[in-house]
Amino acid sequence: MATDNTIIHPDQAHAARILLHVSEKTVGLKSGLGAETIEDFEHGQAELDDAQQEQLRTALEELGADFLPEDADHGYGVRRRYNARKVRALNKWEGEGGPAL
Protein backbone atom coordinates (compact mmCIF):
# COMPACT_ATOMS: atom_id res chain seq x y z
CA MET A 1 0.00 0.00 0.00
CA ALA A 2 1.43 3.38 -1.02
CA THR A 3 2.08 5.88 1.73
CA ASP A 4 1.88 9.11 -0.31
CA ASN A 5 0.46 10.41 -3.57
CA THR A 6 3.64 11.84 -5.09
CA ILE A 7 3.88 10.97 -8.76
CA ILE A 8 7.68 11.10 -8.78
CA HIS A 9 10.17 12.09 -6.08
CA PRO A 10 13.16 14.32 -6.96
CA ASP A 11 15.72 11.67 -5.97
CA GLN A 12 13.77 9.06 -7.90
CA ALA A 13 13.92 11.23 -11.04
CA HIS A 14 17.66 11.76 -10.55
CA ALA A 15 18.30 8.05 -9.98
CA ALA A 16 16.31 7.13 -13.10
CA ARG A 17 18.22 9.59 -15.23
CA ILE A 18 21.57 8.29 -13.94
CA LEU A 19 20.54 4.64 -14.45
CA LEU A 20 19.52 5.39 -18.02
CA HIS A 21 22.68 7.40 -18.77
CA VAL A 22 20.71 10.37 -20.11
CA SER A 23 21.34 14.05 -19.57
CA GLU A 24 19.07 16.64 -18.02
CA LYS A 25 18.86 18.15 -21.49
CA THR A 26 17.59 14.90 -23.01
CA VAL A 27 14.95 14.43 -20.31
CA GLY A 28 14.04 18.11 -20.45
CA LEU A 29 13.45 17.96 -24.19
CA LYS A 30 11.53 14.68 -24.02
CA SER A 31 9.32 15.90 -21.17
CA GLY A 32 8.90 19.44 -22.47
CA LEU A 33 10.10 20.85 -19.14
CA GLY A 34 13.61 21.99 -19.98
CA ALA A 35 16.98 20.96 -18.58
CA GLU A 36 17.12 23.70 -15.94
CA THR A 37 13.71 22.70 -14.57
CA ILE A 38 14.82 19.06 -14.37
CA GLU A 39 18.04 20.03 -12.58
CA ASP A 40 16.23 22.31 -10.12
CA PHE A 41 13.63 19.62 -9.34
CA GLU A 42 16.26 16.92 -8.80
CA HIS A 43 18.17 19.17 -6.40
CA GLY A 44 15.06 20.17 -4.45
CA GLN A 45 15.23 23.78 -5.63
CA ALA A 46 11.91 23.68 -7.49
CA GLU A 47 8.61 21.89 -7.15
CA LEU A 48 6.63 20.52 -10.05
CA ASP A 49 2.85 20.44 -10.16
CA ASP A 50 1.09 17.12 -10.78
CA ALA A 51 0.94 17.63 -14.56
CA GLN A 52 4.66 18.42 -14.74
CA GLN A 53 5.52 15.42 -12.54
CA GLU A 54 3.47 13.24 -14.86
CA GLN A 55 5.30 14.65 -17.90
CA LEU A 56 8.65 13.91 -16.27
CA ARG A 57 7.69 10.42 -15.18
CA THR A 58 6.28 9.58 -18.63
CA ALA A 59 9.46 10.80 -20.33
CA LEU A 60 11.66 8.69 -18.04
CA GLU A 61 9.42 5.65 -18.53
CA GLU A 62 9.65 6.07 -22.30
CA LEU A 63 13.43 6.16 -21.92
CA GLY A 64 13.33 2.82 -20.05
CA ALA A 65 12.77 3.48 -16.34
CA ASP A 66 10.33 1.56 -14.13
CA PHE A 67 9.21 3.24 -10.93
CA LEU A 68 8.59 1.19 -7.83
CA PRO A 69 6.04 2.48 -5.32
CA GLU A 70 6.65 2.67 -1.60
CA ASP A 71 4.83 0.03 0.40
CA ALA A 72 4.65 -1.14 4.01
CA ASP A 73 7.96 -3.03 3.73
CA HIS A 74 10.07 -1.08 1.24
CA GLY A 75 10.75 2.47 0.13
CA TYR A 76 10.06 3.79 -3.36
CA GLY A 77 12.63 3.15 -6.05
CA VAL A 78 13.52 2.94 -9.69
CA ARG A 79 15.00 0.26 -11.92
CA ARG A 80 15.72 -0.31 -15.58
CA ARG A 81 12.77 -1.61 -17.53
CA TYR A 82 15.03 -3.87 -19.57
CA ASN A 83 17.61 -6.41 -18.40
CA ALA A 84 21.28 -6.06 -19.38
CA ARG A 85 20.91 -8.27 -22.47
CA LYS A 86 18.03 -6.18 -23.82
CA VAL A 87 19.91 -2.92 -23.07
CA ARG A 88 22.92 -4.16 -25.07
CA ALA A 89 20.64 -5.07 -27.97
CA LEU A 90 18.89 -1.69 -27.87
CA ASN A 91 22.24 0.13 -27.77
CA LYS A 92 23.45 -1.91 -30.74
CA TRP A 93 20.28 -1.16 -32.72
CA GLU A 94 20.56 2.55 -31.96
CA GLY A 95 24.16 2.51 -33.16
CA GLU A 96 23.03 1.07 -36.49
CA GLY A 97 20.92 3.96 -37.63
CA GLY A 98 18.86 5.68 -35.01
CA PRO A 99 16.79 5.12 -31.91
CA ALA A 100 15.23 1.73 -31.43
CA LEU A 101 11.54 2.00 -30.67
PDB file of N, CA and C in Angstrom:
ATOM      1  N   MET A   1       0.835  -1.178   0.000  1.00  0.00           N
ATOM      2  CA  MET A   1       0.000   0.000   0.000  1.00  0.00           C
ATOM      3  C   MET A   1       0.884   1.247   0.000  1.00  0.00           C
ATOM      4  N   ALA A   2       0.627   2.168  -0.912  1.00  0.00           N
ATOM      5  CA  ALA A   2       1.428   3.383  -1.018  1.00  0.00           C
ATOM      6  C   ALA A   2       1.170   4.283   0.182  1.00  0.00           C
ATOM      7  N   THR A   3       2.225   5.022   0.564  1.00  0.00           N
ATOM      8  CA  THR A   3       2.081   5.884   1.729  1.00  0.00           C
ATOM      9  C   THR A   3       1.936   7.359   1.369  1.00  0.00           C
ATOM     10  N   ASP A   4       2.133   7.729   0.108  1.00  0.00           N
ATOM     11  CA  ASP A   4       1.881   9.108  -0.313  1.00  0.00           C
ATOM     12  C   ASP A   4       1.423   9.128  -1.763  1.00  0.00           C
ATOM     13  N   ASN A   5       1.008  10.294  -2.221  1.00  0.00           N
ATOM     14  CA  ASN A   5       0.458  10.414  -3.567  1.00  0.00           C
ATOM     15  C   ASN A   5       1.402  11.091  -4.547  1.00  0.00           C
ATOM     16  N   THR A   6       2.677  11.211  -4.197  1.00  0.00           N
ATOM     17  CA  THR A   6       3.642  11.839  -5.086  1.00  0.00           C
ATOM     18  C   THR A   6       3.778  11.004  -6.345  1.00  0.00           C
ATOM     19  N   ILE A   7       3.757  11.664  -7.476  1.00  0.00           N
ATOM     20  CA  ILE A   7       3.881  10.974  -8.762  1.00  0.00           C
ATOM     21  C   ILE A   7       5.320  10.530  -8.983  1.00  0.00           C
ATOM     22  N   ILE A   8       6.267  11.418  -8.672  1.00  0.00           N
ATOM     23  CA  ILE A   8       7.685  11.097  -8.779  1.00  0.00           C
ATOM     24  C   ILE A   8       8.448  11.977  -7.786  1.00  0.00           C
ATOM     25  N   HIS A   9       9.354  11.365  -7.048  1.00  0.00           N
ATOM     26  CA  HIS A   9      10.173  12.091  -6.081  1.00  0.00           C
ATOM     27  C   HIS A   9      11.416  12.638  -6.785  1.00  0.00           C
ATOM     28  N   PRO A  10      11.958  13.765  -6.336  1.00  0.00           N
ATOM     29  CA  PRO A  10      13.161  14.318  -6.964  1.00  0.00           C
ATOM     30  C   PRO A  10      14.328  13.331  -7.032  1.00  0.00           C
ATOM     31  N   ASP A  11      14.598  12.619  -5.940  1.00  0.00           N
ATOM     32  CA  ASP A  11      15.720  11.675  -5.966  1.00  0.00           C
ATOM     33  C   ASP A  11      15.429  10.472  -6.851  1.00  0.00           C
ATOM     34  N   GLN A  12      14.177  10.137  -7.003  1.00  0.00           N
ATOM     35  CA  GLN A  12      13.775   9.060  -7.900  1.00  0.00           C
ATOM     36  C   GLN A  12      14.027   9.478  -9.353  1.00  0.00           C
ATOM     37  N   ALA A  13      13.682  10.714  -9.685  1.00  0.00           N
ATOM     38  CA  ALA A  13      13.924  11.227 -11.037  1.00  0.00           C
ATOM     39  C   ALA A  13      15.423  11.248 -11.336  1.00  0.00           C
ATOM     40  N   HIS A  14      16.200  11.706 -10.373  1.00  0.00           N
ATOM     41  CA  HIS A  14      17.658  11.760 -10.548  1.00  0.00           C
ATOM     42  C   HIS A  14      18.231  10.356 -10.725  1.00  0.00           C
ATOM     43  N   ALA A  15      17.809   9.429  -9.892  1.00  0.00           N
ATOM     44  CA  ALA A  15      18.302   8.048  -9.983  1.00  0.00           C
ATOM     45  C   ALA A  15      17.945   7.430 -11.335  1.00  0.00           C
ATOM     46  N   ALA A  16      16.733   7.677 -11.807  1.00  0.00           N
ATOM     47  CA  ALA A  16      16.308   7.130 -13.103  1.00  0.00           C
ATOM     48  C   ALA A  16      17.182   7.683 -14.221  1.00  0.00           C
ATOM     49  N   ARG A  17      17.421   8.971 -14.184  1.00  0.00           N
ATOM     50  CA  ARG A  17      18.224   9.590 -15.234  1.00  0.00           C
ATOM     51  C   ARG A  17      19.643   9.032 -15.233  1.00  0.00           C
ATOM     52  N   ILE A  18      20.213   8.836 -14.040  1.00  0.00           N
ATOM     53  CA  ILE A  18      21.566   8.288 -13.944  1.00  0.00           C
ATOM     54  C   ILE A  18      21.587   6.831 -14.430  1.00  0.00           C
ATOM     55  N   LEU A  19      20.618   6.035 -14.009  1.00  0.00           N
ATOM     56  CA  LEU A  19      20.540   4.636 -14.452  1.00  0.00           C
ATOM     57  C   LEU A  19      20.456   4.518 -15.969  1.00  0.00           C
ATOM     58  N   LEU A  20      19.734   5.441 -16.577  1.00  0.00           N
ATOM     59  CA  LEU A  20      19.523   5.393 -18.019  1.00  0.00           C
ATOM     60  C   LEU A  20      20.631   6.063 -18.815  1.00  0.00           C
ATOM     61  N   HIS A  21      21.569   6.710 -18.112  1.00  0.00           N
ATOM     62  CA  HIS A  21      22.678   7.404 -18.768  1.00  0.00           C
ATOM     63  C   HIS A  21      22.174   8.464 -19.746  1.00  0.00           C
ATOM     64  N   VAL A  22      21.223   9.278 -19.286  1.00  0.00           N
ATOM     65  CA  VAL A  22      20.710  10.365 -20.108  1.00  0.00           C
ATOM     66  C   VAL A  22      20.907  11.691 -19.378  1.00  0.00           C
ATOM     67  N   SER A  23      21.087  12.727 -20.133  1.00  0.00           N
ATOM     68  CA  SER A  23      21.342  14.049 -19.566  1.00  0.00           C
ATOM     69  C   SER A  23      20.045  14.749 -19.163  1.00  0.00           C
ATOM     70  N   GLU A  24      20.210  15.791 -18.373  1.00  0.00           N
ATOM     71  CA  GLU A  24      19.068  16.637 -18.017  1.00  0.00           C
ATOM     72  C   GLU A  24      18.468  17.247 -19.274  1.00  0.00           C
ATOM     73  N   LYS A  25      19.330  17.574 -20.228  1.00  0.00           N
ATOM     74  CA  LYS A  25      18.861  18.155 -21.491  1.00  0.00           C
ATOM     75  C   LYS A  25      17.959  17.174 -22.240  1.00  0.00           C
ATOM     76  N   THR A  26      18.378  15.918 -22.321  1.00  0.00           N
ATOM     77  CA  THR A  26      17.585  14.900 -23.013  1.00  0.00           C
ATOM     78  C   THR A  26      16.224  14.726 -22.355  1.00  0.00           C
ATOM     79  N   VAL A  27      16.214  14.602 -21.036  1.00  0.00           N
ATOM     80  CA  VAL A  27      14.952  14.427 -20.306  1.00  0.00           C
ATOM     81  C   VAL A  27      14.105  15.688 -20.408  1.00  0.00           C
ATOM     82  N   GLY A  28      14.762  16.840 -20.333  1.00  0.00           N
ATOM     83  CA  GLY A  28      14.044  18.109 -20.448  1.00  0.00           C
ATOM     84  C   GLY A  28      13.349  18.249 -21.791  1.00  0.00           C
ATOM     85  N   LEU A  29      14.046  17.879 -22.859  1.00  0.00           N
ATOM     86  CA  LEU A  29      13.451  17.956 -24.193  1.00  0.00           C
ATOM     87  C   LEU A  29      12.315  16.950 -24.349  1.00  0.00           C
ATOM     88  N   LYS A  30      12.539  15.738 -23.876  1.00  0.00           N
ATOM     89  CA  LYS A  30      11.525  14.680 -24.020  1.00  0.00           C
ATOM     90  C   LYS A  30      10.269  14.992 -23.204  1.00  0.00           C
ATOM     91  N   SER A  31      10.461  15.602 -22.036  1.00  0.00           N
ATOM     92  CA  SER A  31       9.321  15.896 -21.166  1.00  0.00           C
ATOM     93  C   SER A  31       8.671  17.239 -21.479  1.00  0.00           C
ATOM     94  N   GLY A  32       9.397  18.097 -22.192  1.00  0.00           N
ATOM     95  CA  GLY A  32       8.896  19.436 -22.466  1.00  0.00           C
ATOM     96  C   GLY A  32       9.097  20.400 -21.317  1.00  0.00           C
ATOM     97  N   LEU A  33       9.899  20.017 -20.322  1.00  0.00           N
ATOM     98  CA  LEU A  33      10.095  20.851 -19.140  1.00  0.00           C
ATOM     99  C   LEU A  33      11.372  21.681 -19.170  1.00  0.00           C
ATOM    100  N   GLY A  34      12.345  21.276 -19.923  1.00  0.00           N
ATOM    101  CA  GLY A  34      13.607  21.989 -19.979  1.00  0.00           C
ATOM    102  C   GLY A  34      14.628  21.446 -18.993  1.00  0.00           C
ATOM    103  N   ALA A  35      15.890  21.509 -19.385  1.00  0.00           N
ATOM    104  CA  ALA A  35      16.983  20.957 -18.576  1.00  0.00           C
ATOM    105  C   ALA A  35      17.113  21.650 -17.230  1.00  0.00           C
ATOM    106  N   GLU A  36      16.969  22.965 -17.203  1.00  0.00           N
ATOM    107  CA  GLU A  36      17.123  23.698 -15.942  1.00  0.00           C
ATOM    108  C   GLU A  36      16.026  23.319 -14.949  1.00  0.00           C
ATOM    109  N   THR A  37      14.822  23.124 -15.438  1.00  0.00           N
ATOM    110  CA  THR A  37      13.715  22.704 -14.571  1.00  0.00           C
ATOM    111  C   THR A  37      13.977  21.328 -13.992  1.00  0.00           C
ATOM    112  N   ILE A  38      14.490  20.413 -14.830  1.00  0.00           N
ATOM    113  CA  ILE A  38      14.817  19.062 -14.368  1.00  0.00           C
ATOM    114  C   ILE A  38      15.892  19.139 -13.286  1.00  0.00           C
ATOM    115  N   GLU A  39      16.939  19.899 -13.549  1.00  0.00           N
ATOM    116  CA  GLU A  39      18.037  20.033 -12.577  1.00  0.00           C
ATOM    117  C   GLU A  39      17.534  20.617 -11.259  1.00  0.00           C
ATOM    118  N   ASP A  40      16.751  21.680 -11.337  1.00  0.00           N
ATOM    119  CA  ASP A  40      16.231  22.312 -10.118  1.00  0.00           C
ATOM    120  C   ASP A  40      15.332  21.352  -9.324  1.00  0.00           C
ATOM    121  N   PHE A  41      14.502  20.589 -10.014  1.00  0.00           N
ATOM    122  CA  PHE A  41      13.627  19.624  -9.345  1.00  0.00           C
ATOM    123  C   PHE A  41      14.453  18.543  -8.654  1.00  0.00           C
ATOM    124  N   GLU A  42      15.431  17.982  -9.373  1.00  0.00           N
ATOM    125  CA  GLU A  42      16.261  16.922  -8.801  1.00  0.00           C
ATOM    126  C   GLU A  42      17.030  17.382  -7.569  1.00  0.00           C
ATOM    127  N   HIS A  43      17.398  18.644  -7.527  1.00  0.00           N
ATOM    128  CA  HIS A  43      18.168  19.174  -6.397  1.00  0.00           C
ATOM    129  C   HIS A  43      17.284  19.809  -5.336  1.00  0.00           C
ATOM    130  N   GLY A  44      15.975  19.667  -5.459  1.00  0.00           N
ATOM    131  CA  GLY A  44      15.059  20.175  -4.455  1.00  0.00           C
ATOM    132  C   GLY A  44      14.916  21.687  -4.450  1.00  0.00           C
ATOM    133  N   GLN A  45      15.288  22.325  -5.543  1.00  0.00           N
ATOM    134  CA  GLN A  45      15.227  23.776  -5.633  1.00  0.00           C
ATOM    135  C   GLN A  45      13.959  24.264  -6.329  1.00  0.00           C
ATOM    136  N   ALA A  46      13.165  23.323  -6.833  1.00  0.00           N
ATOM    137  CA  ALA A  46      11.912  23.678  -7.494  1.00  0.00           C
ATOM    138  C   ALA A  46      10.920  22.540  -7.306  1.00  0.00           C
ATOM    139  N   GLU A  47       9.672  22.891  -7.211  1.00  0.00           N
ATOM    140  CA  GLU A  47       8.608  21.889  -7.148  1.00  0.00           C
ATOM    141  C   GLU A  47       7.912  21.839  -8.493  1.00  0.00           C
ATOM    142  N   LEU A  48       7.408  20.680  -8.835  1.00  0.00           N
ATOM    143  CA  LEU A  48       6.625  20.518 -10.054  1.00  0.00           C
ATOM    144  C   LEU A  48       5.188  20.220  -9.669  1.00  0.00           C
ATOM    145  N   ASP A  49       4.252  20.780 -10.422  1.00  0.00           N
ATOM    146  CA  ASP A  49       2.853  20.441 -10.159  1.00  0.00           C
ATOM    147  C   ASP A  49       2.589  19.025 -10.675  1.00  0.00           C
ATOM    148  N   ASP A  50       1.405  18.505 -10.412  1.00  0.00           N
ATOM    149  CA  ASP A  50       1.094  17.119 -10.780  1.00  0.00           C
ATOM    150  C   ASP A  50       1.260  16.865 -12.280  1.00  0.00           C
ATOM    151  N   ALA A  51       0.830  17.807 -13.103  1.00  0.00           N
ATOM    152  CA  ALA A  51       0.941  17.627 -14.558  1.00  0.00           C
ATOM    153  C   ALA A  51       2.407  17.566 -14.982  1.00  0.00           C
ATOM    154  N   GLN A  52       3.229  18.425 -14.419  1.00  0.00           N
ATOM    155  CA  GLN A  52       4.655  18.417 -14.740  1.00  0.00           C
ATOM    156  C   GLN A  52       5.329  17.142 -14.246  1.00  0.00           C
ATOM    157  N   GLN A  53       4.963  16.685 -13.047  1.00  0.00           N
ATOM    158  CA  GLN A  53       5.518  15.425 -12.541  1.00  0.00           C
ATOM    159  C   GLN A  53       5.144  14.273 -13.463  1.00  0.00           C
ATOM    160  N   GLU A  54       3.926  14.291 -13.939  1.00  0.00           N
ATOM    161  CA  GLU A  54       3.465  13.235 -14.857  1.00  0.00           C
ATOM    162  C   GLU A  54       4.247  13.290 -16.168  1.00  0.00           C
ATOM    163  N   GLN A  55       4.501  14.497 -16.680  1.00  0.00           N
ATOM    164  CA  GLN A  55       5.299  14.650 -17.902  1.00  0.00           C
ATOM    165  C   GLN A  55       6.700  14.075 -17.698  1.00  0.00           C
ATOM    166  N   LEU A  56       7.299  14.386 -16.567  1.00  0.00           N
ATOM    167  CA  LEU A  56       8.650  13.911 -16.266  1.00  0.00           C
ATOM    168  C   LEU A  56       8.669  12.398 -16.129  1.00  0.00           C
ATOM    169  N   ARG A  57       7.735  11.869 -15.379  1.00  0.00           N
ATOM    170  CA  ARG A  57       7.686  10.423 -15.182  1.00  0.00           C
ATOM    171  C   ARG A  57       7.468   9.689 -16.512  1.00  0.00           C
ATOM    172  N   THR A  58       6.559  10.193 -17.322  1.00  0.00           N
ATOM    173  CA  THR A  58       6.277   9.579 -18.627  1.00  0.00           C
ATOM    174  C   THR A  58       7.526   9.589 -19.504  1.00  0.00           C
ATOM    175  N   ALA A  59       8.239  10.703 -19.528  1.00  0.00           N
ATOM    176  CA  ALA A  59       9.462  10.799 -20.329  1.00  0.00           C
ATOM    177  C   ALA A  59      10.494   9.767 -19.872  1.00  0.00           C
ATOM    178  N   LEU A  60      10.686   9.661 -18.563  1.00  0.00           N
ATOM    179  CA  LEU A  60      11.661   8.691 -18.041  1.00  0.00           C
ATOM    180  C   LEU A  60      11.216   7.259 -18.298  1.00  0.00           C
ATOM    181  N   GLU A  61       9.923   6.994 -18.213  1.00  0.00           N
ATOM    182  CA  GLU A  61       9.421   5.649 -18.526  1.00  0.00           C
ATOM    183  C   GLU A  61       9.635   5.328 -19.997  1.00  0.00           C
ATOM    184  N   GLU A  62       9.416   6.293 -20.872  1.00  0.00           N
ATOM    185  CA  GLU A  62       9.645   6.069 -22.304  1.00  0.00           C
ATOM    186  C   GLU A  62      11.115   5.827 -22.611  1.00  0.00           C
ATOM    187  N   LEU A  63      11.986   6.375 -21.768  1.00  0.00           N
ATOM    188  CA  LEU A  63      13.429   6.156 -21.925  1.00  0.00           C
ATOM    189  C   LEU A  63      13.887   4.838 -21.304  1.00  0.00           C
ATOM    190  N   GLY A  64      13.000   4.148 -20.567  1.00  0.00           N
ATOM    191  CA  GLY A  64      13.328   2.823 -20.050  1.00  0.00           C
ATOM    192  C   GLY A  64      13.347   2.655 -18.549  1.00  0.00           C
ATOM    193  N   ALA A  65      12.793   3.600 -17.799  1.00  0.00           N
ATOM    194  CA  ALA A  65      12.767   3.478 -16.337  1.00  0.00           C
ATOM    195  C   ALA A  65      11.450   2.856 -15.874  1.00  0.00           C
ATOM    196  N   ASP A  66      11.516   2.075 -14.834  1.00  0.00           N
ATOM    197  CA  ASP A  66      10.334   1.555 -14.135  1.00  0.00           C
ATOM    198  C   ASP A  66      10.379   2.110 -12.720  1.00  0.00           C
ATOM    199  N   PHE A  67       9.278   2.659 -12.262  1.00  0.00           N
ATOM    200  CA  PHE A  67       9.215   3.237 -10.926  1.00  0.00           C
ATOM    201  C   PHE A  67       8.514   2.280  -9.982  1.00  0.00           C
ATOM    202  N   LEU A  68       9.108   2.111  -8.827  1.00  0.00           N
ATOM    203  CA  LEU A  68       8.592   1.191  -7.825  1.00  0.00           C
ATOM    204  C   LEU A  68       7.951   2.002  -6.707  1.00  0.00           C
ATOM    205  N   PRO A  69       6.711   1.713  -6.371  1.00  0.00           N
ATOM    206  CA  PRO A  69       6.038   2.476  -5.322  1.00  0.00           C
ATOM    207  C   PRO A  69       6.516   2.064  -3.931  1.00  0.00           C
ATOM    208  N   GLU A  70       6.370   2.981  -3.006  1.00  0.00           N
ATOM    209  CA  GLU A  70       6.649   2.674  -1.605  1.00  0.00           C
ATOM    210  C   GLU A  70       5.518   1.802  -1.080  1.00  0.00           C
ATOM    211  N   ASP A  71       5.864   0.846  -0.234  1.00  0.00           N
ATOM    212  CA  ASP A  71       4.833   0.031   0.400  1.00  0.00           C
ATOM    213  C   ASP A  71       5.181  -0.129   1.883  1.00  0.00           C
ATOM    214  N   ALA A  72       4.463  -0.971   2.569  1.00  0.00           N
ATOM    215  CA  ALA A  72       4.652  -1.138   4.010  1.00  0.00           C
ATOM    216  C   ALA A  72       6.034  -1.685   4.366  1.00  0.00           C
ATOM    217  N   ASP A  73       6.670  -2.400   3.443  1.00  0.00           N
ATOM    218  CA  ASP A  73       7.955  -3.035   3.728  1.00  0.00           C
ATOM    219  C   ASP A  73       9.162  -2.356   3.087  1.00  0.00           C
ATOM    220  N   HIS A  74       8.949  -1.618   1.999  1.00  0.00           N
ATOM    221  CA  HIS A  74      10.072  -1.075   1.239  1.00  0.00           C
ATOM    222  C   HIS A  74       9.799   0.370   0.822  1.00  0.00           C
ATOM    223  N   GLY A  75      10.869   1.108   0.635  1.00  0.00           N
ATOM    224  CA  GLY A  75      10.750   2.469   0.127  1.00  0.00           C
ATOM    225  C   GLY A  75      10.554   2.481  -1.384  1.00  0.00           C
ATOM    226  N   TYR A  76      10.229   3.649  -1.916  1.00  0.00           N
ATOM    227  CA  TYR A  76      10.063   3.792  -3.358  1.00  0.00           C
ATOM    228  C   TYR A  76      11.416   3.614  -4.031  1.00  0.00           C
ATOM    229  N   GLY A  77      11.377   3.349  -5.331  1.00  0.00           N
ATOM    230  CA  GLY A  77      12.630   3.148  -6.047  1.00  0.00           C
ATOM    231  C   GLY A  77      12.455   3.271  -7.540  1.00  0.00           C
ATOM    232  N   VAL A  78      13.510   2.914  -8.234  1.00  0.00           N
ATOM    233  CA  VAL A  78      13.520   2.942  -9.690  1.00  0.00           C
ATOM    234  C   VAL A  78      14.451   1.837 -10.171  1.00  0.00           C
ATOM    235  N   ARG A  79      14.125   1.270 -11.311  1.00  0.00           N
ATOM    236  CA  ARG A  79      14.995   0.261 -11.924  1.00  0.00           C
ATOM    237  C   ARG A  79      14.873   0.378 -13.430  1.00  0.00           C
ATOM    238  N   ARG A  80      15.793  -0.260 -14.116  1.00  0.00           N
ATOM    239  CA  ARG A  80      15.715  -0.305 -15.578  1.00  0.00           C
ATOM    240  C   ARG A  80      14.567  -1.210 -15.988  1.00  0.00           C
ATOM    241  N   ARG A  81      13.870  -0.805 -17.011  1.00  0.00           N
ATOM    242  CA  ARG A  81      12.774  -1.612 -17.531  1.00  0.00           C
ATOM    243  C   ARG A  81      13.312  -2.870 -18.211  1.00  0.00           C
ATOM    244  N   TYR A  82      14.481  -2.759 -18.800  1.00  0.00           N
ATOM    245  CA  TYR A  82      15.034  -3.867 -19.568  1.00  0.00           C
ATOM    246  C   TYR A  82      16.245  -4.461 -18.860  1.00  0.00           C
ATOM    247  N   ASN A  83      16.436  -5.771 -18.995  1.00  0.00           N
ATOM    248  CA  ASN A  83      17.607  -6.408 -18.402  1.00  0.00           C
ATOM    249  C   ASN A  83      18.851  -6.068 -19.232  1.00  0.00           C
ATOM    250  N   ALA A  84      20.013  -6.442 -18.747  1.00  0.00           N
ATOM    251  CA  ALA A  84      21.281  -6.064 -19.379  1.00  0.00           C
ATOM    252  C   ALA A  84      21.362  -6.543 -20.830  1.00  0.00           C
ATOM    253  N   ARG A  85      20.863  -7.731 -21.105  1.00  0.00           N
ATOM    254  CA  ARG A  85      20.907  -8.266 -22.466  1.00  0.00           C
ATOM    255  C   ARG A  85      20.093  -7.398 -23.420  1.00  0.00           C
ATOM    256  N   LYS A  86      18.902  -7.013 -22.994  1.00  0.00           N
ATOM    257  CA  LYS A  86      18.034  -6.177 -23.823  1.00  0.00           C
ATOM    258  C   LYS A  86      18.641  -4.785 -24.014  1.00  0.00           C
ATOM    259  N   VAL A  87      19.263  -4.231 -22.968  1.00  0.00           N
ATOM    260  CA  VAL A  87      19.908  -2.918 -23.073  1.00  0.00           C
ATOM    261  C   VAL A  87      21.032  -2.968 -24.108  1.00  0.00           C
ATOM    262  N   ARG A  88      21.845  -4.024 -24.076  1.00  0.00           N
ATOM    263  CA  ARG A  88      22.916  -4.157 -25.072  1.00  0.00           C
ATOM    264  C   ARG A  88      22.334  -4.222 -26.478  1.00  0.00           C
ATOM    265  N   ALA A  89      21.270  -4.967 -26.656  1.00  0.00           N
ATOM    266  CA  ALA A  89      20.640  -5.072 -27.973  1.00  0.00           C
ATOM    267  C   ALA A  89      20.086  -3.719 -28.423  1.00  0.00           C
ATOM    268  N   LEU A  90      19.425  -3.007 -27.521  1.00  0.00           N
ATOM    269  CA  LEU A  90      18.890  -1.690 -27.868  1.00  0.00           C
ATOM    270  C   LEU A  90      20.010  -0.730 -28.242  1.00  0.00           C
ATOM    271  N   ASN A  91      21.097  -0.740 -27.466  1.00  0.00           N
ATOM    272  CA  ASN A  91      22.237   0.125 -27.772  1.00  0.00           C
ATOM    273  C   ASN A  91      22.838  -0.216 -29.127  1.00  0.00           C
ATOM    274  N   LYS A  92      22.919  -1.487 -29.444  1.00  0.00           N
ATOM    275  CA  LYS A  92      23.452  -1.912 -30.742  1.00  0.00           C
ATOM    276  C   LYS A  92      22.539  -1.433 -31.864  1.00  0.00           C
ATOM    277  N   TRP A  93      21.231  -1.603 -31.697  1.00  0.00           N
ATOM    278  CA  TRP A  93      20.280  -1.164 -32.723  1.00  0.00           C
ATOM    279  C   TRP A  93      20.355   0.333 -32.935  1.00  0.00           C
ATOM    280  N   GLU A  94      20.473   1.103 -31.839  1.00  0.00           N
ATOM    281  CA  GLU A  94      20.559   2.552 -31.960  1.00  0.00           C
ATOM    282  C   GLU A  94      21.828   2.966 -32.688  1.00  0.00           C
ATOM    283  N   GLY A  95      22.912   2.203 -32.491  1.00  0.00           N
ATOM    284  CA  GLY A  95      24.163   2.508 -33.157  1.00  0.00           C
ATOM    285  C   GLY A  95      24.146   2.182 -34.643  1.00  0.00           C
ATOM    286  N   GLU A  96      23.126   1.477 -35.093  1.00  0.00           N
ATOM    287  CA  GLU A  96      23.028   1.072 -36.490  1.00  0.00           C
ATOM    288  C   GLU A  96      22.119   1.957 -37.308  1.00  0.00           C
ATOM    289  N   GLY A  97      21.731   3.103 -36.770  1.00  0.00           N
ATOM    290  CA  GLY A  97      20.923   3.964 -37.626  1.00  0.00           C
ATOM    291  C   GLY A  97      19.806   4.706 -36.944  1.00  0.00           C
ATOM    292  N   GLY A  98      19.877   4.879 -35.669  1.00  0.00           N
ATOM    293  CA  GLY A  98      18.855   5.683 -35.008  1.00  0.00           C
ATOM    294  C   GLY A  98      18.254   4.965 -33.828  1.00  0.00           C
ATOM    295  N   PRO A  99      17.393   5.680 -33.127  1.00  0.00           N
ATOM    296  CA  PRO A  99      16.791   5.124 -31.914  1.00  0.00           C
ATOM    297  C   PRO A  99      15.937   3.891 -32.193  1.00  0.00           C
ATOM    298  N   ALA A 100      16.082   2.907 -31.361  1.00  0.00           N
ATOM    299  CA  ALA A 100      15.228   1.729 -31.433  1.00  0.00           C
ATOM    300  C   ALA A 100      13.938   2.019 -30.704  1.00  0.00           C
ATOM    301  N   LEU A 101      12.834   1.730 -31.313  1.00  0.00           N
ATOM    302  CA  LEU A 101      11.539   2.004 -30.671  1.00  0.00           C
ATOM    303  C   LEU A 101      10.856   0.777 -30.216  1.00  0.00           C
TER     304      LEU A 101
END
